[in-house]
Amino acid sequence: MNTSALIMMLVTEGIVIAFTGYFFYRVLTTKKHGEPDSFTENDDQE
């Protein structure tokens, strides 16, 4: 593998890891909604 291919592979993997980490962080730090979690808790509402 030549140098330019190695650099492109490392940059691409870095971008993918950065996006994955960013969205994983977003999932873990989202605020809870005030909605009920299950359908059975929603029986009194039509």
Protein backbone atom coordinates (compact mmCIF):
# COMPACT_ATOMS: atom_id res chain seq x y z
CA MET A 1 0.00 0.00 0.00
CA ASN A 2 1.46 3.32 -0.96
CA THR A 3 1.62 6.38 1.28
CA SER A 4 -1.34 8.28 -0.17
CA ALA A 5 -3.64 5.26 0.18
CA LEU A 6 -2.56 4.79 3.79
CA ILE A 7 -3.19 8.46 4.58
CA MET A 8 -6.62 8.36 2.93
CA MET A 9 -7.54 5.20 4.85
CA LEU A 10 -6.49 6.72 8.18
CA VAL A 11 -8.34 9.99 7.50
CA THR A 12 -11.49 8.12 6.49
CA GLU A 13 -11.37 5.90 9.57
CA GLY A 14 -10.79 8.96 11.74
CA ILE A 15 -13.84 10.72 10.28
CA VAL A 16 -16.02 7.64 10.80
CA ILE A 17 -14.83 7.26 14.40
CA ALA A 18 -15.43 10.97 15.06
CA PHE A 19 -19.01 10.82 13.72
CA THR A 20 -19.71 7.64 15.66
CA GLY A 21 -18.39 9.14 18.88
CA TYR A 22 -20.31 12.39 18.38
CA PHE A 23 -23.65 10.68 17.80
CA PHE A 24 -23.04 8.20 20.63
CA TYR A 25 -22.40 11.17 22.93
CA ARG A 26 -25.60 12.83 21.69
CA VAL A 27 -27.62 9.68 22.46
CA LEU A 28 -26.20 9.43 25.97
CA THR A 29 -26.78 13.10 26.85
CA THR A 30 -30.31 13.65 25.51
CA LYS A 31 -32.87 14.94 27.98
CA LYS A 32 -35.80 12.76 28.94
CA HIS A 33 -39.17 13.60 27.44
CA GLY A 34 -42.26 14.03 29.59
CA GLU A 35 -44.10 11.33 27.67
CA PRO A 36 -44.93 7.93 29.18
CA ASP A 37 -42.55 5.10 28.32
CA SER A 38 -45.06 2.34 27.75
CA PHE A 39 -48.37 2.06 25.97
CA THR A 40 -50.17 0.80 29.09
CA GLU A 41 -49.44 4.05 30.92
CA ASN A 42 -51.29 5.86 28.16
CA ASP A 43 -54.65 4.04 28.59
CA ASP A 44 -56.56 6.96 30.11
CA GLN A 45 -55.85 9.12 27.07
CA GLU A 46 -57.77 8.70 23.82
